[in-house]
PDB file of N, CA and C in Angstrom:
ATOM      1  N   MET A   1      77.278  48.149 124.648  1.00  0.00           N
ATOM      2  CA  MET A   1      76.540  49.231 124.018  1.00  0.00           C
ATOM      3  C   MET A   1      76.036  50.167 125.112  1.00  0.00           C
ATOM      4  N   THR A   2      76.141  51.452 124.876  1.00  0.00           N
ATOM      5  CA  THR A   2      75.718  52.441 125.852  1.00  0.00           C
ATOM      6  C   THR A   2      74.218  52.638 125.746  1.00  0.00           C
ATOM      7  N   THR A   3      73.590  52.827 126.901  1.00  0.00           N
ATOM      8  CA  THR A   3      72.147  53.049 126.905  1.00  0.00           C
ATOM      9  C   THR A   3      71.817  54.244 127.766  1.00  0.00           C
ATOM     10  N   GLY A   4      70.618  54.716 127.604  1.00  0.00           N
ATOM     11  CA  GLY A   4      70.113  55.778 128.466  1.00  0.00           C
ATOM     12  C   GLY A   4      70.740  57.128 128.191  1.00  0.00           C
ATOM     13  N   PRO A   5      70.891  57.933 129.244  1.00  0.00           N
ATOM     14  CA  PRO A   5      71.383  59.309 129.100  1.00  0.00           C
ATOM     15  C   PRO A   5      72.799  59.381 128.523  1.00  0.00           C
ATOM     16  N   ASN A   6      73.630  58.390 128.866  1.00  0.00           N
ATOM     17  CA  ASN A   6      75.000  58.421 128.337  1.00  0.00           C
ATOM     18  C   ASN A   6      75.005  58.303 126.817  1.00  0.00           C
ATOM     19  N   ARG A   7      74.169  57.472 126.281  1.00  0.00           N
ATOM     20  CA  ARG A   7      74.107  57.296 124.829  1.00  0.00           C
ATOM     21  C   ARG A   7      73.619  58.580 124.170  1.00  0.00           C
ATOM     22  N   ILE A   8      72.642  59.208 124.764  1.00  0.00           N
ATOM     23  CA  ILE A   8      72.126  60.471 124.213  1.00  0.00           C
ATOM     24  C   ILE A   8      73.224  61.521 124.219  1.00  0.00           C
ATOM     25  N   LEU A   9      73.973  61.610 125.327  1.00  0.00           N
ATOM     26  CA  LEU A   9      75.065  62.587 125.399  1.00  0.00           C
ATOM     27  C   LEU A   9      76.167  62.247 124.410  1.00  0.00           C
ATOM     28  N   ASP A  10      76.489  60.968 124.246  1.00  0.00           N
ATOM     29  CA  ASP A  10      77.499  60.558 123.271  1.00  0.00           C
ATOM     30  C   ASP A  10      77.063  60.914 121.853  1.00  0.00           C
ATOM     31  N   ASP A  11      75.815  60.642 121.547  1.00  0.00           N
ATOM     32  CA  ASP A  11      75.296  60.977 120.213  1.00  0.00           C
ATOM     33  C   ASP A  11      75.305  62.480 119.989  1.00  0.00           C
ATOM     34  N   PHE A  12      74.932  63.229 121.030  1.00  0.00           N
ATOM     35  CA  PHE A  12      74.924  64.689 120.923  1.00  0.00           C
ATOM     36  C   PHE A  12      76.343  65.217 120.728  1.00  0.00           C
ATOM     37  N   ALA A  13      77.307  64.673 121.456  1.00  0.00           N
ATOM     38  CA  ALA A  13      78.700  65.103 121.328  1.00  0.00           C
ATOM     39  C   ALA A  13      79.219  64.794 119.918  1.00  0.00           C
ATOM     40  N   LYS A  14      78.875  63.621 119.399  1.00  0.00           N
ATOM     41  CA  LYS A  14      79.297  63.255 118.044  1.00  0.00           C
ATOM     42  C   LYS A  14      78.667  64.196 117.025  1.00  0.00           C
ATOM     43  N   LEU A  15      77.398  64.504 117.209  1.00  0.00           N
ATOM     44  CA  LEU A  15      76.706  65.415 116.304  1.00  0.00           C
ATOM     45  C   LEU A  15      77.366  66.797 116.311  1.00  0.00           C
ATOM     46  N   MET A  16      77.717  67.302 117.485  1.00  0.00           N
ATOM     47  CA  MET A  16      78.359  68.623 117.600  1.00  0.00           C
ATOM     48  C   MET A  16      79.762  68.603 116.972  1.00  0.00           C
ATOM     49  N   THR A  17      80.474  67.500 117.153  1.00  0.00           N
ATOM     50  CA  THR A  17      81.807  67.379 116.556  1.00  0.00           C
ATOM     51  C   THR A  17      81.695  67.386 115.038  1.00  0.00           C
ATOM     52  N   ASP A  18      80.764  66.634 114.503  1.00  0.00           N
ATOM     53  CA  ASP A  18      80.555  66.612 113.056  1.00  0.00           C
ATOM     54  C   ASP A  18      80.141  67.985 112.532  1.00  0.00           C
ATOM     55  N   ALA A  19      79.277  68.658 113.281  1.00  0.00           N
ATOM     56  CA  ALA A  19      78.816  69.989 112.869  1.00  0.00           C
ATOM     57  C   ALA A  19      79.982  70.980 112.867  1.00  0.00           C
ATOM     58  N   ALA A  20      80.839  70.898 113.879  1.00  0.00           N
ATOM     59  CA  ALA A  20      81.988  71.805 113.949  1.00  0.00           C
ATOM     60  C   ALA A  20      82.924  71.562 112.764  1.00  0.00           C
ATOM     61  N   GLY A  21      83.135  70.294 112.414  1.00  0.00           N
ATOM     62  CA  GLY A  21      83.976  69.977 111.255  1.00  0.00           C
ATOM     63  C   GLY A  21      83.375  70.508 109.970  1.00  0.00           C
ATOM     64  N   ALA A  22      82.068  70.392 109.838  1.00  0.00           N
ATOM     65  CA  ALA A  22      81.389  70.898 108.639  1.00  0.00           C
ATOM     66  C   ALA A  22      81.514  72.415 108.554  1.00  0.00           C
ATOM     67  N   VAL A  23      81.365  73.088 109.680  1.00  0.00           N
ATOM     68  CA  VAL A  23      81.476  74.552 109.702  1.00  0.00           C
ATOM     69  C   VAL A  23      82.888  74.976 109.321  1.00  0.00           C
ATOM     70  N   GLN A  24      83.900  74.262 109.802  1.00  0.00           N
ATOM     71  CA  GLN A  24      85.276  74.596 109.428  1.00  0.00           C
ATOM     72  C   GLN A  24      85.484  74.416 107.932  1.00  0.00           C
ATOM     73  N   GLY A  25      84.947  73.342 107.380  1.00  0.00           N
ATOM     74  CA  GLY A  25      85.078  73.100 105.944  1.00  0.00           C
ATOM     75  C   GLY A  25      84.426  74.194 105.124  1.00  0.00           C
ATOM     76  N   VAL A  26      83.236  74.595 105.528  1.00  0.00           N
ATOM     77  CA  VAL A  26      82.528  75.670 104.825  1.00  0.00           C
ATOM     78  C   VAL A  26      83.307  76.973 104.957  1.00  0.00           C
ATOM     79  N   GLY A  27      83.855  77.214 106.140  1.00  0.00           N
ATOM     80  CA  GLY A  27      84.642  78.436 106.352  1.00  0.00           C
ATOM     81  C   GLY A  27      85.843  78.500 105.418  1.00  0.00           C
ATOM     82  N   LYS A  28      86.535  77.382 105.258  1.00  0.00           N
ATOM     83  CA  LYS A  28      87.695  77.350 104.357  1.00  0.00           C
ATOM     84  C   LYS A  28      87.266  77.563 102.911  1.00  0.00           C
ATOM     85  N   GLU A  29      86.142  76.983 102.524  1.00  0.00           N
ATOM     86  CA  GLU A  29      85.636  77.169 101.155  1.00  0.00           C
ATOM     87  C   GLU A  29      85.275  78.625 100.907  1.00  0.00           C
ATOM     88  N   VAL A  30      84.627  79.259 101.877  1.00  0.00           N
ATOM     89  CA  VAL A  30      84.252  80.674 101.739  1.00  0.00           C
ATOM     90  C   VAL A  30      85.504  81.529 101.642  1.00  0.00           C
ATOM     91  N   GLU A  31      86.501  81.246 102.465  1.00  0.00           N
ATOM     92  CA  GLU A  31      87.746  82.020 102.437  1.00  0.00           C
ATOM     93  C   GLU A  31      88.435  81.876 101.078  1.00  0.00           C
ATOM     94  N   THR A  32      88.506  80.665 100.559  1.00  0.00           N
ATOM     95  CA  THR A  32      89.132  80.428  99.263  1.00  0.00           C
ATOM     96  C   THR A  32      88.377  81.157  98.156  1.00  0.00           C
ATOM     97  N   ALA A  33      87.058  81.079  98.190  1.00  0.00           N
ATOM     98  CA  ALA A  33      86.247  81.763  97.174  1.00  0.00           C
ATOM     99  C   ALA A  33      86.425  83.270  97.269  1.00  0.00           C
ATOM    100  N   PHE A  34      86.472  83.799  98.485  1.00  0.00           N
ATOM    101  CA  PHE A  34      86.641  85.238  98.677  1.00  0.00           C
ATOM    102  C   PHE A  34      87.997  85.697  98.141  1.00  0.00           C
ATOM    103  N   LYS A  35      89.058  84.939  98.453  1.00  0.00           N
ATOM    104  CA  LYS A  35      90.390  85.315  97.974  1.00  0.00           C
ATOM    105  C   LYS A  35      90.444  85.285  96.453  1.00  0.00           C
ATOM    106  N   ALA A  36      89.853  84.273  95.850  1.00  0.00           N
ATOM    107  CA  ALA A  36      89.852  84.180  94.389  1.00  0.00           C
ATOM    108  C   ALA A  36      89.097  85.354  93.773  1.00  0.00           C
ATOM    109  N   GLN A  37      87.951  85.695  94.346  1.00  0.00           N
ATOM    110  CA  GLN A  37      87.164  86.819  93.824  1.00  0.00           C
ATOM    111  C   GLN A  37      87.915  88.134  94.015  1.00  0.00           C
ATOM    112  N   ALA A  38      88.560  88.315  95.170  1.00  0.00           N
ATOM    113  CA  ALA A  38      89.317  89.542  95.426  1.00  0.00           C
ATOM    114  C   ALA A  38      90.478  89.664  94.444  1.00  0.00           C
ATOM    115  N   GLU A  39      91.150  88.552  94.164  1.00  0.00           N
ATOM    116  CA  GLU A  39      92.261  88.581  93.211  1.00  0.00           C
ATOM    117  C   GLU A  39      91.765  88.932  91.813  1.00  0.00           C
ATOM    118  N   ARG A  40      90.636  88.355  91.399  1.00  0.00           N
ATOM    119  CA  ARG A  40      90.072  88.700  90.083  1.00  0.00           C
ATOM    120  C   ARG A  40      89.718  90.177  90.027  1.00  0.00           C
ATOM    121  N   TRP A  41      89.141  90.687  91.095  1.00  0.00           N
ATOM    122  CA  TRP A  41      88.739  92.092  91.142  1.00  0.00           C
ATOM    123  C   TRP A  41      89.959  93.005  91.061  1.00  0.00           C
ATOM    124  N   LEU A  42      91.007  92.676  91.838  1.00  0.00           N
ATOM    125  CA  LEU A  42      92.217  93.496  91.809  1.00  0.00           C
ATOM    126  C   LEU A  42      92.897  93.428  90.447  1.00  0.00           C
ATOM    127  N   ASN A  43      92.917  92.250  89.830  1.00  0.00           N
ATOM    128  CA  ASN A  43      93.516  92.125  88.501  1.00  0.00           C
ATOM    129  C   ASN A  43      92.757  92.941  87.465  1.00  0.00           C
ATOM    130  N   SER A  44      91.452  93.039  87.613  1.00  0.00           N
ATOM    131  CA  SER A  44      90.660  93.819  86.661  1.00  0.00           C
ATOM    132  C   SER A  44      90.918  95.315  86.804  1.00  0.00           C
ATOM    133  N   MET A  45      91.434  95.720  87.957  1.00  0.00           N
ATOM    134  CA  MET A  45      91.715  97.135  88.191  1.00  0.00           C
ATOM    135  C   MET A  45      93.147  97.508  87.811  1.00  0.00           C
ATOM    136  N   ASP A  46      93.906  96.560  87.276  1.00  0.00           N
ATOM    137  CA  ASP A  46      95.299  96.796  86.882  1.00  0.00           C
ATOM    138  C   ASP A  46      96.145  97.325  88.041  1.00  0.00           C
ATOM    139  N   ILE A  47      95.944  96.763  89.205  1.00  0.00           N
ATOM    140  CA  ILE A  47      96.738  97.143  90.371  1.00  0.00           C
ATOM    141  C   ILE A  47      98.051  96.377  90.315  1.00  0.00           C
ATOM    142  N   VAL A  48      99.140  97.070  90.601  1.00  0.00           N
ATOM    143  CA  VAL A  48     100.467  96.482  90.519  1.00  0.00           C
ATOM    144  C   VAL A  48     100.752  95.665  91.776  1.00  0.00           C
ATOM    145  N   LYS A  49     101.380  94.514  91.582  1.00  0.00           N
ATOM    146  CA  LYS A  49     101.776  93.691  92.721  1.00  0.00           C
ATOM    147  C   LYS A  49     102.991  94.312  93.397  1.00  0.00           C
ATOM    148  N   ARG A  50     103.154  94.036  94.669  1.00  0.00           N
ATOM    149  CA  ARG A  50     104.246  94.616  95.445  1.00  0.00           C
ATOM    150  C   ARG A  50     105.600  94.309  94.827  1.00  0.00           C
ATOM    151  N   GLU A  51     105.815  93.072  94.358  1.00  0.00           N
ATOM    152  CA  GLU A  51     107.107  92.698  93.775  1.00  0.00           C
ATOM    153  C   GLU A  51     107.428  93.565  92.559  1.00  0.00           C
ATOM    154  N   GLU A  52     106.417  93.787  91.723  1.00  0.00           N
ATOM    155  CA  GLU A  52     106.620  94.616  90.535  1.00  0.00           C
ATOM    156  C   GLU A  52     106.904  96.058  90.936  1.00  0.00           C
ATOM    157  N   PHE A  53     106.173  96.545  91.936  1.00  0.00           N
ATOM    158  CA  PHE A  53     106.378  97.913  92.405  1.00  0.00           C
ATOM    159  C   PHE A  53     107.792  98.090  92.933  1.00  0.00           C
ATOM    160  N   GLU A  54     108.254  97.135  93.750  1.00  0.00           N
ATOM    161  CA  GLU A  54     109.592  97.231  94.330  1.00  0.00           C
ATOM    162  C   GLU A  54     110.663  97.202  93.236  1.00  0.00           C
ATOM    163  N   ALA A  55     110.472  96.381  92.199  1.00  0.00           N
ATOM    164  CA  ALA A  55     111.441  96.311  91.105  1.00  0.00           C
ATOM    165  C   ALA A  55     111.527  97.652  90.379  1.00  0.00           C
ATOM    166  N   VAL A  56     110.388  98.243  90.085  1.00  0.00           N
ATOM    167  CA  VAL A  56     110.375  99.538  89.394  1.00  0.00           C
ATOM    168  C   VAL A  56     110.937 100.629  90.297  1.00  0.00           C
ATOM    169  N   ARG A  57     110.653 100.543  91.590  1.00  0.00           N
ATOM    170  CA  ARG A  57     111.182 101.520  92.542  1.00  0.00           C
ATOM    171  C   ARG A  57     112.708 101.481  92.570  1.00  0.00           C
ATOM    172  N   GLU A  58     113.275 100.276  92.592  1.00  0.00           N
ATOM    173  CA  GLU A  58     114.728 100.130  92.578  1.00  0.00           C
ATOM    174  C   GLU A  58     115.323 100.700  91.295  1.00  0.00           C
ATOM    175  N   MET A  59     114.643 100.477  90.176  1.00  0.00           N
ATOM    176  CA  MET A  59     115.114 101.031  88.909  1.00  0.00           C
ATOM    177  C   MET A  59     115.097 102.555  88.957  1.00  0.00           C
ATOM    178  N   ALA A  60     114.058 103.123  89.548  1.00  0.00           N
ATOM    179  CA  ALA A  60     113.952 104.587  89.639  1.00  0.00           C
ATOM    180  C   ALA A  60     115.042 105.154  90.542  1.00  0.00           C
ATOM    181  N   VAL A  61     115.330 104.484  91.641  1.00  0.00           N
ATOM    182  CA  VAL A  61     116.394 104.943  92.554  1.00  0.00           C
ATOM    183  C   VAL A  61     117.735 104.927  91.823  1.00  0.00           C
ATOM    184  N   LYS A  62     118.001 103.832  91.105  1.00  0.00           N
ATOM    185  CA  LYS A  62     119.258 103.717  90.367  1.00  0.00           C
ATOM    186  C   LYS A  62     119.347 104.799  89.293  1.00  0.00           C
ATOM    187  N   ALA A  63     118.254 105.040  88.580  1.00  0.00           N
ATOM    188  CA  ALA A  63     118.242 106.067  87.539  1.00  0.00           C
ATOM    189  C   ALA A  63     118.483 107.451  88.137  1.00  0.00           C
ATOM    190  N   ARG A  64     117.906 107.712  89.303  1.00  0.00           N
ATOM    191  CA  ARG A  64     118.114 109.015  89.954  1.00  0.00           C
ATOM    192  C   ARG A  64     119.574 109.188  90.351  1.00  0.00           C
ATOM    193  N   GLU A  65     120.180 108.127  90.885  1.00  0.00           N
ATOM    194  CA  GLU A  65     121.588 108.198  91.274  1.00  0.00           C
ATOM    195  C   GLU A  65     122.469 108.444  90.054  1.00  0.00           C
ATOM    196  N   GLU A  66     122.182 107.743  88.954  1.00  0.00           N
ATOM    197  CA  GLU A  66     122.944 107.955  87.727  1.00  0.00           C
ATOM    198  C   GLU A  66     122.748 109.369  87.197  1.00  0.00           C
ATOM    199  N   ASN A  67     121.524 109.876  87.286  1.00  0.00           N
ATOM    200  CA  ASN A  67     121.225 111.238  86.836  1.00  0.00           C
ATOM    201  C   ASN A  67     121.998 112.258  87.667  1.00  0.00           C
ATOM    202  N   ASP A  68     122.037 112.060  88.985  1.00  0.00           N
ATOM    203  CA  ASP A  68     122.777 112.977  89.854  1.00  0.00           C
ATOM    204  C   ASP A  68     124.268 112.955  89.525  1.00  0.00           C
ATOM    205  N   ALA A  69     124.807 111.754  89.267  1.00  0.00           N
ATOM    206  CA  ALA A  69     126.225 111.639  88.930  1.00  0.00           C
ATOM    207  C   ALA A  69     126.518 112.342  87.606  1.00  0.00           C
ATOM    208  N   LEU A  70     125.641 112.160  86.622  1.00  0.00           N
ATOM    209  CA  LEU A  70     125.836 112.815  85.329  1.00  0.00           C
ATOM    210  C   LEU A  70     125.697 114.333  85.441  1.00  0.00           C
ATOM    211  N   THR A  71     124.771 114.789  86.246  1.00  0.00           N
ATOM    212  CA  THR A  71     124.607 116.229  86.452  1.00  0.00           C
ATOM    213  C   THR A  71     125.869 116.826  87.064  1.00  0.00           C
ATOM    214  N   ALA A  72     126.448 116.140  88.052  1.00  0.00           N
ATOM    215  CA  ALA A  72     127.691 116.618  88.674  1.00  0.00           C
ATOM    216  C   ALA A  72     128.827 116.611  87.659  1.00  0.00           C
ATOM    217  N   ARG A  73     128.895 115.593  86.828  1.00  0.00           N
ATOM    218  CA  ARG A  73     129.964 115.512  85.820  1.00  0.00           C
ATOM    219  C   ARG A  73     129.813 116.624  84.788  1.00  0.00           C
ATOM    220  N   ILE A  74     128.594 116.901  84.374  1.00  0.00           N
ATOM    221  CA  ILE A  74     128.360 117.991  83.414  1.00  0.00           C
ATOM    222  C   ILE A  74     128.781 119.324  84.023  1.00  0.00           C
ATOM    223  N   ALA A  75     128.426 119.542  85.276  1.00  0.00           N
ATOM    224  CA  ALA A  75     128.818 120.796  85.938  1.00  0.00           C
ATOM    225  C   ALA A  75     130.335 120.912  85.998  1.00  0.00           C
ATOM    226  N   GLU A  76     131.007 119.806  86.280  1.00  0.00           N
ATOM    227  CA  GLU A  76     132.473 119.805  86.343  1.00  0.00           C
ATOM    228  C   GLU A  76     133.072 120.113  84.972  1.00  0.00           C
ATOM    229  N   LEU A  77     132.546 119.488  83.929  1.00  0.00           N
ATOM    230  CA  LEU A  77     133.050 119.741  82.581  1.00  0.00           C
ATOM    231  C   LEU A  77     132.773 121.168  82.130  1.00  0.00           C
ATOM    232  N   GLU A  78     131.602 121.690  82.481  1.00  0.00           N
ATOM    233  CA  GLU A  78     131.284 123.079  82.136  1.00  0.00           C
ATOM    234  C   GLU A  78     132.230 124.036  82.839  1.00  0.00           C
ATOM    235  N   ALA A  79     132.592 123.727  84.080  1.00  0.00           N
ATOM    236  CA  ALA A  79     133.531 124.580  84.817  1.00  0.00           C
ATOM    237  C   ALA A  79     134.899 124.539  84.152  1.00  0.00           C
ATOM    238  N   LYS A  80     135.336 123.377  83.696  1.00  0.00           N
ATOM    239  CA  LYS A  80     136.632 123.282  83.004  1.00  0.00           C
ATOM    240  C   LYS A  80     136.608 124.074  81.708  1.00  0.00           C
ATOM    241  N   ILE A  81     135.519 123.951  80.959  1.00  0.00           N
ATOM    242  CA  ILE A  81     135.412 124.695  79.693  1.00  0.00           C
ATOM    243  C   ILE A  81     135.393 126.187  79.977  1.00  0.00           C
ATOM    244  N   ALA A  82     134.673 126.611  80.998  1.00  0.00           N
ATOM    245  CA  ALA A  82     134.634 128.036  81.333  1.00  0.00           C
ATOM    246  C   ALA A  82     136.016 128.532  81.741  1.00  0.00           C
ATOM    247  N   GLY A  83     136.788 127.700  82.432  1.00  0.00           N
ATOM    248  CA  GLY A  83     138.143 128.080  82.861  1.00  0.00           C
ATOM    249  C   GLY A  83     139.082 128.164  81.675  1.00  0.00           C
ATOM    250  N   LEU A  84     138.906 127.337  80.677  1.00  0.00           N
ATOM    251  CA  LEU A  84     139.777 127.364  79.496  1.00  0.00           C
ATOM    252  C   LEU A  84     139.481 128.544  78.590  1.00  0.00           C
ATOM    253  N   SER A  85     138.244 128.981  78.561  1.00  0.00           N
ATOM    254  CA  SER A  85     137.861 130.067  77.646  1.00  0.00           C
ATOM    255  C   SER A  85     138.238 131.443  78.204  1.00  0.00           C
ATOM    256  N   LYS A  86     138.669 131.564  79.429  1.00  0.00           N
ATOM    257  CA  LYS A  86     139.012 132.869  80.016  1.00  0.00           C
ATOM    258  C   LYS A  86     140.385 133.284  79.668  1.00  0.00           C
TER     259      LYS A  86
END
């Protein structure tokens, strides 16, 4: 069994180790609570998630490309009709 100053230092080191572990545990709990609260807050604001935004963005890009292709086809058909009517 340790006695004297060594025992006091050992007890102090154990106390500090336990305190550090407790602080880490509290820190993780605070972080988890903060993330949960932030998610609830963002959900209440109807903010779109990145995955949903990217999906809609891809749909818009595809729709624009299809629109451009149809516009070019209409112009081509109008030119043919104009050429036939002359």
